[in-house]
């Protein structure tokens, strides 16, 4: 049977999106006291242009290299009437660039066991939390990077795996509440054992 050593997938898209709703910063009054608050509001129409690509390469038996990437150029093209959203604002929770790389290797062991090891690097670009406005400060988070890996051994239907997530112990902010900033950070470095059995 012939082995496929290289697999590639590429996709592009253009989306015209009408009548978007999303999170906007604004001002409300509690009695006579003006208070900043974030609320769901009409944002308007948007245009999204993007592309995704993946490459899977097997340069050697049992060695797999994988690369994934995504690109998004998304912005408001026509704000709703009386909207606080700025014309040309980016869309919240839409990083411009994301990409990841993975290397995985499988190998034989004595007593019919099978081992495997892998490492994954991921990058997520900075992104808005609320729509941009001419009247209120923009809330956004910075780009961040994550690294994880695992070492496993198994036989037949069972597998034991030593894994590590966020190995660099990155304290990346993945979300910010608005308007009072309360940050949510990625889970700190986590190392553990995982035992599985396929029925």
C-alpha atoms as a PDB file:
ATOM      1  CA  UNK A   1       0.000   0.000   0.000  1.00  0.00           C
ATOM      2  CA  UNK A   2       1.413   3.371  -1.019  1.00  0.00           C
ATOM      3  CA  UNK A   3       1.980   5.826   1.829  1.00  0.00           C
ATOM      4  CA  UNK A   4       0.989   9.475   1.441  1.00  0.00           C
ATOM      5  CA  UNK A   5       3.881  11.604   2.746  1.00  0.00           C
ATOM      6  CA  UNK A   6       2.368  15.084   2.381  1.00  0.00           C
ATOM      7  CA  UNK A   7      -1.191  16.351   2.837  1.00  0.00           C
ATOM      8  CA  UNK A   8      -2.147  20.005   2.376  1.00  0.00           C
ATOM      9  CA  UNK A   9      -5.458  21.816   2.754  1.00  0.00           C
ATOM     10  CA  UNK A  10      -6.106  25.465   1.926  1.00  0.00           C
ATOM     11  CA  UNK A  11      -9.372  27.425   2.157  1.00  0.00           C
ATOM     12  CA  UNK A  12     -10.245  31.075   1.649  1.00  0.00           C
ATOM     13  CA  UNK A  13     -13.451  32.948   2.370  1.00  0.00           C
ATOM     14  CA  UNK A  14     -15.186  36.308   2.051  1.00  0.00           C
ATOM     15  CA  UNK A  15     -18.198  36.975   4.275  1.00  0.00           C
ATOM     16  CA  UNK A  16     -20.594  39.918   4.096  1.00  0.00           C
ATOM     17  CA  UNK A  17     -22.283  39.911   7.495  1.00  0.00           C
ATOM     18  CA  UNK A  18     -25.376  42.014   8.142  1.00  0.00           C
ATOM     19  CA  UNK A  19     -26.951  43.247  11.385  1.00  0.00           C
ATOM     20  CA  UNK A  20     -24.287  42.093  13.809  1.00  0.00           C
ATOM     21  CA  UNK A  21     -24.844  42.378  17.525  1.00  0.00           C
ATOM     22  CA  UNK A  22     -21.996  42.434  19.994  1.00  0.00           C
ATOM     23  CA  UNK A  23     -20.516  43.846  23.171  1.00  0.00           C
ATOM     24  CA  UNK A  24     -20.218  47.640  23.306  1.00  0.00           C
ATOM     25  CA  UNK A  25     -19.024  49.925  26.102  1.00  0.00           C
ATOM     26  CA  UNK A  26     -21.449  52.668  27.085  1.00  0.00           C
ATOM     27  CA  UNK A  27     -22.843  54.738  29.942  1.00  0.00           C
ATOM     28  CA  UNK A  28     -25.933  54.141  32.056  1.00  0.00           C
ATOM     29  CA  UNK A  29     -27.302  56.082  34.985  1.00  0.00           C
ATOM     30  CA  UNK A  30     -27.954  54.690  38.425  1.00  0.00           C
ATOM     31  CA  UNK A  31     -30.111  57.564  39.637  1.00  0.00           C
ATOM     32  CA  UNK A  32     -28.025  60.644  38.949  1.00  0.00           C
ATOM     33  CA  UNK A  33     -24.712  58.769  38.805  1.00  0.00           C
ATOM     34  CA  UNK A  34     -23.354  57.928  35.328  1.00  0.00           C
ATOM     35  CA  UNK A  35     -21.816  54.453  35.241  1.00  0.00           C
ATOM     36  CA  UNK A  36     -19.771  52.784  32.522  1.00  0.00           C
ATOM     37  CA  UNK A  37     -21.083  49.397  31.514  1.00  0.00           C
ATOM     38  CA  UNK A  38     -20.735  46.830  28.748  1.00  0.00           C
ATOM     39  CA  UNK A  39     -23.874  45.726  26.985  1.00  0.00           C
ATOM     40  CA  UNK A  40     -25.110  43.844  23.949  1.00  0.00           C
ATOM     41  CA  UNK A  41     -26.041  46.262  21.186  1.00  0.00           C
ATOM     42  CA  UNK A  42     -26.543  46.520  17.449  1.00  0.00           C
ATOM     43  CA  UNK A  43     -23.177  46.990  15.747  1.00  0.00           C
ATOM     44  CA  UNK A  44     -24.020  47.075  12.015  1.00  0.00           C
ATOM     45  CA  UNK A  45     -22.680  45.323   8.932  1.00  0.00           C
ATOM     46  CA  UNK A  46     -19.255  43.748   8.618  1.00  0.00           C
ATOM     47  CA  UNK A  47     -16.894  42.255   6.090  1.00  0.00           C
ATOM     48  CA  UNK A  48     -14.674  39.274   6.860  1.00  0.00           C
ATOM     49  CA  UNK A  49     -11.832  38.089   4.616  1.00  0.00           C
ATOM     50  CA  UNK A  50      -9.843  35.100   5.757  1.00  0.00           C
ATOM     51  CA  UNK A  51      -7.896  31.993   4.940  1.00  0.00           C
ATOM     52  CA  UNK A  52      -6.972  28.723   6.625  1.00  0.00           C
ATOM     53  CA  UNK A  53      -4.231  26.270   5.745  1.00  0.00           C
ATOM     54  CA  UNK A  54      -2.864  23.022   7.120  1.00  0.00           C
ATOM     55  CA  UNK A  55       0.111  20.868   6.176  1.00  0.00           C
ATOM     56  CA  UNK A  56       0.742  17.337   7.398  1.00  0.00           C
ATOM     57  CA  UNK A  57       4.148  15.867   6.482  1.00  0.00           C
ATOM     58  CA  UNK A  58       5.529  12.415   7.199  1.00  0.00           C
ATOM     59  CA  UNK A  59       9.267  12.725   6.459  1.00  0.00           C
ATOM     60  CA  UNK A  60      10.035   9.393   8.170  1.00  0.00           C
ATOM     61  CA  UNK A  61       8.073   6.365   9.277  1.00  0.00           C
ATOM     62  CA  UNK A  62       6.154   7.172  12.477  1.00  0.00           C
ATOM     63  CA  UNK A  63       7.264  10.837  12.425  1.00  0.00           C
ATOM     64  CA  UNK A  64       4.516  13.386  11.734  1.00  0.00           C
ATOM     65  CA  UNK A  65       4.937  17.150  11.380  1.00  0.00           C
ATOM     66  CA  UNK A  66       1.797  19.308  11.324  1.00  0.00           C
ATOM     67  CA  UNK A  67       1.392  23.031  10.693  1.00  0.00           C
ATOM     68  CA  UNK A  68      -1.926  24.913  10.908  1.00  0.00           C
ATOM     69  CA  UNK A  69      -2.531  28.615  10.278  1.00  0.00           C
ATOM     70  CA  UNK A  70      -5.500  30.939  10.086  1.00  0.00           C
ATOM     71  CA  UNK A  71      -5.865  34.596   9.046  1.00  0.00           C
ATOM     72  CA  UNK A  72      -8.845  36.918   9.576  1.00  0.00           C
ATOM     73  CA  UNK A  73      -9.336  40.499   8.414  1.00  0.00           C
ATOM     74  CA  UNK A  74     -12.707  41.452   9.904  1.00  0.00           C
ATOM     75  CA  UNK A  75     -14.151  44.940  10.329  1.00  0.00           C
ATOM     76  CA  UNK A  76     -17.378  46.932  10.559  1.00  0.00           C
ATOM     77  CA  UNK A  77     -18.221  48.470   7.190  1.00  0.00           C
ATOM     78  CA  UNK A  78     -21.438  50.263   8.159  1.00  0.00           C
ATOM     79  CA  UNK A  79     -22.305  50.910  11.829  1.00  0.00           C
ATOM     80  CA  UNK A  80     -25.948  50.742  12.873  1.00  0.00           C
ATOM     81  CA  UNK A  81     -27.826  54.015  13.230  1.00  0.00           C
ATOM     82  CA  UNK A  82     -27.095  55.661  16.604  1.00  0.00           C
ATOM     83  CA  UNK A  83     -24.523  52.971  17.330  1.00  0.00           C
ATOM     84  CA  UNK A  84     -21.456  53.682  19.462  1.00  0.00           C
ATOM     85  CA  UNK A  85     -19.416  51.367  17.237  1.00  0.00           C
ATOM     86  CA  UNK A  86     -16.725  53.031  15.141  1.00  0.00           C
ATOM     87  CA  UNK A  87     -16.740  52.572  11.365  1.00  0.00           C
ATOM     88  CA  UNK A  88     -13.839  50.222  10.599  1.00  0.00           C
ATOM     89  CA  UNK A  89     -13.791  48.662  14.073  1.00  0.00           C
ATOM     90  CA  UNK A  90     -12.437  45.159  14.261  1.00  0.00           C
ATOM     91  CA  UNK A  91     -14.718  42.379  15.465  1.00  0.00           C
ATOM     92  CA  UNK A  92     -14.332  41.264  19.097  1.00  0.00           C
ATOM     93  CA  UNK A  93     -12.854  37.844  19.834  1.00  0.00           C
ATOM     94  CA  UNK A  94     -11.402  37.620  16.331  1.00  0.00           C
ATOM     95  CA  UNK A  95      -7.591  37.363  16.317  1.00  0.00           C
ATOM     96  CA  UNK A  96      -6.032  38.340  13.016  1.00  0.00           C
ATOM     97  CA  UNK A  97      -3.541  35.479  13.049  1.00  0.00           C
ATOM     98  CA  UNK A  98      -3.466  32.060  14.680  1.00  0.00           C
ATOM     99  CA  UNK A  99      -1.048  29.250  14.006  1.00  0.00           C
ATOM    100  CA  UNK A 100       0.235  26.070  15.580  1.00  0.00           C
ATOM    101  CA  UNK A 101       2.935  23.486  14.932  1.00  0.00           C
ATOM    102  CA  UNK A 102       3.068  19.911  16.155  1.00  0.00           C
ATOM    103  CA  UNK A 103       5.649  17.152  16.003  1.00  0.00           C
ATOM    104  CA  UNK A 104       4.670  13.581  16.850  1.00  0.00           C
ATOM    105  CA  UNK A 105       6.726  10.392  16.856  1.00  0.00           C
ATOM    106  CA  UNK A 106       5.611   6.825  17.465  1.00  0.00           C
ATOM    107  CA  UNK A 107       7.965   3.968  18.289  1.00  0.00           C
ATOM    108  CA  UNK A 108       7.941   0.312  19.223  1.00  0.00           C
ATOM    109  CA  UNK A 109       8.792  -0.994  22.698  1.00  0.00           C
ATOM    110  CA  UNK A 110       9.378  -4.478  24.181  1.00  0.00           C
ATOM    111  CA  UNK A 111       6.483  -6.760  25.178  1.00  0.00           C
ATOM    112  CA  UNK A 112       4.308  -5.550  22.340  1.00  0.00           C
ATOM    113  CA  UNK A 113       4.058  -2.019  23.742  1.00  0.00           C
ATOM    114  CA  UNK A 114       3.846   1.083  21.598  1.00  0.00           C
ATOM    115  CA  UNK A 115       5.167   4.480  22.645  1.00  0.00           C
ATOM    116  CA  UNK A 116       4.563   7.963  21.309  1.00  0.00           C
ATOM    117  CA  UNK A 117       5.721  11.481  22.090  1.00  0.00           C
ATOM    118  CA  UNK A 118       4.485  14.831  20.824  1.00  0.00           C
ATOM    119  CA  UNK A 119       4.970  18.563  21.335  1.00  0.00           C
ATOM    120  CA  UNK A 120       2.699  21.408  20.214  1.00  0.00           C
ATOM    121  CA  UNK A 121       3.307  25.150  19.967  1.00  0.00           C
ATOM    122  CA  UNK A 122       0.364  27.526  19.454  1.00  0.00           C
ATOM    123  CA  UNK A 123       0.198  31.287  18.805  1.00  0.00           C
ATOM    124  CA  UNK A 124      -2.939  33.440  19.152  1.00  0.00           C
ATOM    125  CA  UNK A 125      -2.798  37.058  17.982  1.00  0.00           C
ATOM    126  CA  UNK A 126      -4.112  39.994  19.981  1.00  0.00           C
ATOM    127  CA  UNK A 127      -7.847  40.684  19.790  1.00  0.00           C
ATOM    128  CA  UNK A 128     -10.571  43.079  20.850  1.00  0.00           C
ATOM    129  CA  UNK A 129     -12.942  42.304  23.718  1.00  0.00           C
ATOM    130  CA  UNK A 130     -15.499  44.984  22.786  1.00  0.00           C
ATOM    131  CA  UNK A 131     -16.093  46.939  19.590  1.00  0.00           C
ATOM    132  CA  UNK A 132     -13.977  50.043  19.073  1.00  0.00           C
ATOM    133  CA  UNK A 133     -15.739  53.339  19.823  1.00  0.00           C
ATOM    134  CA  UNK A 134     -14.950  57.027  19.396  1.00  0.00           C
ATOM    135  CA  UNK A 135     -16.343  57.728  22.873  1.00  0.00           C
ATOM    136  CA  UNK A 136     -14.923  54.926  25.020  1.00  0.00           C
ATOM    137  CA  UNK A 137     -11.566  53.248  25.504  1.00  0.00           C
ATOM    138  CA  UNK A 138     -10.887  50.121  23.486  1.00  0.00           C
ATOM    139  CA  UNK A 139     -10.500  46.919  25.509  1.00  0.00           C
ATOM    140  CA  UNK A 140      -8.155  44.371  23.980  1.00  0.00           C
ATOM    141  CA  UNK A 141      -5.859  41.524  24.970  1.00  0.00           C
ATOM    142  CA  UNK A 142      -2.310  40.884  23.791  1.00  0.00           C
ATOM    143  CA  UNK A 143      -1.140  37.957  21.726  1.00  0.00           C
ATOM    144  CA  UNK A 144       0.040  34.875  23.575  1.00  0.00           C
ATOM    145  CA  UNK A 145       1.869  31.584  23.016  1.00  0.00           C
ATOM    146  CA  UNK A 146       1.308  28.151  24.519  1.00  0.00           C
ATOM    147  CA  UNK A 147       3.392  24.987  24.606  1.00  0.00           C
ATOM    148  CA  UNK A 148       2.209  21.499  25.504  1.00  0.00           C
ATOM    149  CA  UNK A 149       3.397  17.926  25.079  1.00  0.00           C
ATOM    150  CA  UNK A 150       2.900  14.321  26.078  1.00  0.00           C
ATOM    151  CA  UNK A 151       4.705  11.001  26.393  1.00  0.00           C
ATOM    152  CA  UNK A 152       2.569   7.889  26.111  1.00  0.00           C
ATOM    153  CA  UNK A 153       2.793   4.116  26.171  1.00  0.00           C
ATOM    154  CA  UNK A 154       0.072   1.656  25.281  1.00  0.00           C
ATOM    155  CA  UNK A 155      -0.931  -1.723  24.031  1.00  0.00           C
ATOM    156  CA  UNK A 156      -4.068  -2.905  22.280  1.00  0.00           C
ATOM    157  CA  UNK A 157      -6.905  -0.767  23.664  1.00  0.00           C
ATOM    158  CA  UNK A 158      -5.302   0.867  26.689  1.00  0.00           C
ATOM    159  CA  UNK A 159      -2.906   3.778  26.943  1.00  0.00           C
ATOM    160  CA  UNK A 160      -1.035   5.565  29.734  1.00  0.00           C
ATOM    161  CA  UNK A 161       0.016   9.126  29.034  1.00  0.00           C
ATOM    162  CA  UNK A 162       2.162  11.654  30.881  1.00  0.00           C
ATOM    163  CA  UNK A 163       1.048  15.081  29.697  1.00  0.00           C
ATOM    164  CA  UNK A 164       1.964  18.705  30.250  1.00  0.00           C
ATOM    165  CA  UNK A 165      -0.169  21.723  29.314  1.00  0.00           C
ATOM    166  CA  UNK A 166       1.138  25.289  29.231  1.00  0.00           C
ATOM    167  CA  UNK A 167       4.660  24.017  29.879  1.00  0.00           C
ATOM    168  CA  UNK A 168       6.171  27.531  29.805  1.00  0.00           C
ATOM    169  CA  UNK A 169       3.661  28.564  32.513  1.00  0.00           C
ATOM    170  CA  UNK A 170       2.503  31.493  30.399  1.00  0.00           C
ATOM    171  CA  UNK A 171       0.209  33.861  32.330  1.00  0.00           C
ATOM    172  CA  UNK A 172      -1.655  34.956  29.225  1.00  0.00           C
ATOM    173  CA  UNK A 173      -4.896  36.901  29.502  1.00  0.00           C
ATOM    174  CA  UNK A 174      -7.578  35.216  27.402  1.00  0.00           C
ATOM    175  CA  UNK A 175     -10.544  37.404  28.369  1.00  0.00           C
ATOM    176  CA  UNK A 176     -11.293  40.715  30.091  1.00  0.00           C
ATOM    177  CA  UNK A 177     -14.671  41.634  31.512  1.00  0.00           C
ATOM    178  CA  UNK A 178     -15.929  45.139  30.814  1.00  0.00           C
ATOM    179  CA  UNK A 179     -16.055  47.874  31.843  1.00  0.00           C
ATOM    180  CA  UNK A 180     -14.435  47.001  35.208  1.00  0.00           C
ATOM    181  CA  UNK A 181     -11.373  45.000  34.133  1.00  0.00           C
ATOM    182  CA  UNK A 182     -11.394  41.477  35.535  1.00  0.00           C
ATOM    183  CA  UNK A 183      -8.925  39.266  33.746  1.00  0.00           C
ATOM    184  CA  UNK A 184      -9.281  35.585  32.950  1.00  0.00           C
ATOM    185  CA  UNK A 185      -5.917  33.914  32.408  1.00  0.00           C
ATOM    186  CA  UNK A 186      -5.049  30.657  30.734  1.00  0.00           C
ATOM    187  CA  UNK A 187      -4.749  27.633  33.027  1.00  0.00           C
ATOM    188  CA  UNK A 188      -1.267  27.609  34.619  1.00  0.00           C
ATOM    189  CA  UNK A 189       1.236  24.849  33.939  1.00  0.00           C
ATOM    190  CA  UNK A 190      -0.484  21.495  34.432  1.00  0.00           C
ATOM    191  CA  UNK A 191       1.294  18.133  34.520  1.00  0.00           C
ATOM    192  CA  UNK A 192      -0.499  14.845  35.049  1.00  0.00           C
ATOM    193  CA  UNK A 193      -1.136  11.232  34.127  1.00  0.00           C
ATOM    194  CA  UNK A 194      -3.998  10.090  31.941  1.00  0.00           C
ATOM    195  CA  UNK A 195      -5.125   6.448  31.619  1.00  0.00           C
ATOM    196  CA  UNK A 196      -7.537   5.530  28.847  1.00  0.00           C
ATOM    197  CA  UNK A 197      -9.155   2.404  27.448  1.00  0.00           C
ATOM    198  CA  UNK A 198     -11.005   2.153  24.131  1.00  0.00           C
ATOM    199  CA  UNK A 199     -14.133   0.002  24.290  1.00  0.00           C
END
